[in-house]
Protein backbone atom coordinates (compact mmCIF):
# COMPACT_ATOMS: atom_id res chain seq x y z
CA MET A 1 -21.19 -39.36 -43.53
CA PRO A 2 -20.92 -39.78 -39.77
CA ALA A 3 -20.84 -36.68 -37.79
CA ASN A 4 -17.39 -35.06 -36.68
CA PRO A 5 -16.53 -36.64 -33.03
CA ARG A 6 -14.98 -33.34 -31.79
CA THR A 7 -18.34 -31.38 -32.78
CA LYS A 8 -20.58 -33.85 -30.91
CA PRO A 9 -20.15 -34.16 -27.01
CA ASN A 10 -19.40 -36.70 -25.33
CA PRO A 11 -21.50 -38.16 -22.65
CA LYS A 12 -18.88 -39.70 -20.88
CA ASP A 13 -16.86 -36.35 -20.34
CA PHE A 14 -18.62 -34.98 -16.86
CA THR A 15 -16.35 -31.93 -17.14
CA GLY A 16 -17.68 -30.56 -20.53
CA ASN A 17 -20.68 -31.66 -20.12
CA LYS A 18 -20.88 -29.59 -16.90
CA LYS A 19 -19.51 -26.09 -18.11
CA ARG A 20 -22.01 -26.04 -21.09
CA GLN A 21 -24.64 -26.64 -18.39
CA LEU A 22 -23.44 -23.93 -16.12
CA ALA A 23 -22.78 -21.36 -19.22
CA GLU A 24 -26.33 -22.17 -20.54
CA GLU A 25 -27.87 -21.14 -16.92
CA HIS A 26 -25.37 -18.06 -16.21
CA ALA A 27 -25.63 -16.53 -20.00
CA GLU A 28 -27.51 -13.48 -18.60
CA GLU A 29 -25.30 -12.82 -15.53
CA LEU A 30 -21.71 -13.58 -17.44
CA THR A 31 -23.43 -10.83 -19.99
CA ARG A 32 -24.10 -8.04 -17.63
CA ARG A 33 -20.63 -9.08 -16.11
CA LYS A 34 -18.76 -8.72 -18.84
CA GLY A 35 -20.72 -4.96 -19.32
CA GLU A 36 -19.57 -4.35 -16.26
CA LEU A 37 -15.91 -4.87 -17.06
CA ALA A 38 -15.93 -2.93 -20.33
CA MET A 39 -16.86 -0.11 -18.62
CA HIS A 40 -14.18 -0.41 -15.58
CA HIS A 41 -12.06 -0.68 -18.75
CA ALA A 42 -13.08 1.93 -20.00
CA GLU A 43 -12.53 4.15 -16.90
CA GLN A 44 -8.78 3.22 -16.45
CA ALA A 45 -8.27 4.42 -19.52
CA ALA A 46 -9.73 7.79 -19.15
CA ASN A 47 -7.42 7.65 -15.88
CA LEU A 48 -4.77 7.31 -18.02
CA ASP A 49 -4.71 11.10 -18.92
CA LYS A 50 -5.15 12.61 -15.90
CA PRO A 51 -1.58 13.10 -14.46
CA ILE A 52 -0.07 11.87 -10.94
CA GLU A 53 1.93 14.48 -9.05
CA LEU A 54 5.13 12.72 -7.64
CA ASP A 55 7.40 14.90 -5.05
CA GLU A 56 11.47 14.31 -5.20
CA LYS A 57 12.02 10.84 -4.34
CA GLY A 58 9.55 9.22 -6.89
CA ARG A 59 6.59 8.50 -4.01
CA THR A 60 2.86 9.55 -4.99
CA LEU A 61 1.27 13.32 -3.18
CA GLU A 62 -2.83 12.20 -3.47
CA SER A 63 -4.29 15.34 -2.94
CA VAL A 64 -7.38 15.37 -0.94
CA GLY A 65 -10.78 16.36 -1.61
CA GLU A 66 -12.08 19.31 -0.25
CA GLU A 67 -15.04 17.48 2.05
CA SER A 68 -12.63 15.09 3.78
CA ALA A 69 -9.77 17.89 4.21
CA PRO A 70 -9.71 18.97 7.99
CA ASP A 71 -11.39 22.00 9.80
CA GLY A 72 -8.83 23.06 12.26
CA PRO A 73 -5.89 23.56 11.66
CA VAL A 74 -3.32 20.60 11.13
CA GLU A 75 -0.75 19.45 13.45
CA LEU A 76 2.62 18.11 12.75
CA PRO A 77 5.22 16.55 14.49
CA PRO A 78 8.25 17.81 16.23
CA GLU A 79 11.27 17.88 14.81
CA THR A 80 13.26 17.75 17.80
CA VAL A 81 12.54 15.61 20.98
CA ASP A 82 13.98 15.20 24.53
CA ILE A 83 14.98 11.40 25.35
CA ARG A 84 16.68 9.72 27.76
CA ILE A 85 19.09 6.63 26.78
CA ALA A 86 19.12 3.16 28.87
CA CYS A 87 22.74 2.52 28.03
CA ASP A 88 26.04 3.78 26.74
CA LEU A 89 26.17 4.06 23.16
CA GLU A 90 29.24 5.02 20.89
CA LYS A 91 29.89 6.16 17.06
CA VAL A 92 25.88 4.93 16.37
CA THR A 93 25.30 6.17 12.71
CA ILE A 94 22.02 6.99 12.11
CA GLY A 95 21.50 8.04 8.29
CA GLN A 96 23.87 9.16 6.16
CA GLY A 97 27.41 10.87 7.70
CA THR A 98 25.64 11.74 11.13
CA GLU A 99 27.69 9.76 14.25
CA PHE A 100 25.84 10.24 18.17
CA ASP A 101 27.09 9.31 21.34
CA PHE A 102 25.59 8.72 23.86
CA LYS A 103 25.66 7.97 27.68
CA GLU A 104 23.48 6.52 30.00
CA GLY A 105 20.35 7.85 31.76
CA GLN A 106 21.66 11.07 29.53
CA VAL A 107 18.74 13.27 28.74
CA TYR A 108 19.39 14.08 24.76
CA THR A 109 17.13 16.35 22.51
CA VAL A 110 17.32 15.06 19.30
CA PRO A 111 16.15 15.03 15.77
CA LEU A 112 12.56 12.86 15.46
CA ASN A 113 13.72 10.22 13.20
CA VAL A 114 16.58 9.41 15.41
CA ALA A 115 14.79 9.19 18.80
CA LEU A 116 11.96 6.67 16.40
CA HIS A 117 15.00 4.51 15.09
CA LEU A 118 16.46 4.44 18.87
CA ASP A 119 12.92 3.87 20.17
CA ARG A 120 12.97 0.65 17.67
CA LEU A 121 16.02 -0.69 18.58
CA GLY A 122 15.19 -0.80 22.48
CA TYR A 123 17.82 2.07 23.25
CA VAL A 124 15.53 4.99 25.07
CA TRP A 125 14.60 4.45 28.42
CA GLN A 126 12.43 7.53 28.49
CA TRP A 127 10.48 10.05 26.39
CA LEU A 128 10.72 13.14 27.90
């Protein structure tokens, strides 16, 4: 009875033969790598029980370890800034329910987010 043609490697099958050859050459490395992947998956499964802190908008709060925390006081950006506007702007809506009117060359004290938005659009002439 002849051997099953599907169990005997075909000598013309270059890809299959090369795959078998490489699998034999790298068998030890593949076994080691499978162990590393198993450990990585086990770590991920263990971390599923750790709670993740979220703020009121659903963003992730990351805790800072003691060794990476700065020693001195933390500097916060100012809540308001002074800017000079480059051109006249009327009824500019920035945010929900806020409307601003600006005159060219006038100095305004505005919240930082408004100043940054106007600066991104190119309307801030000067930061004071």
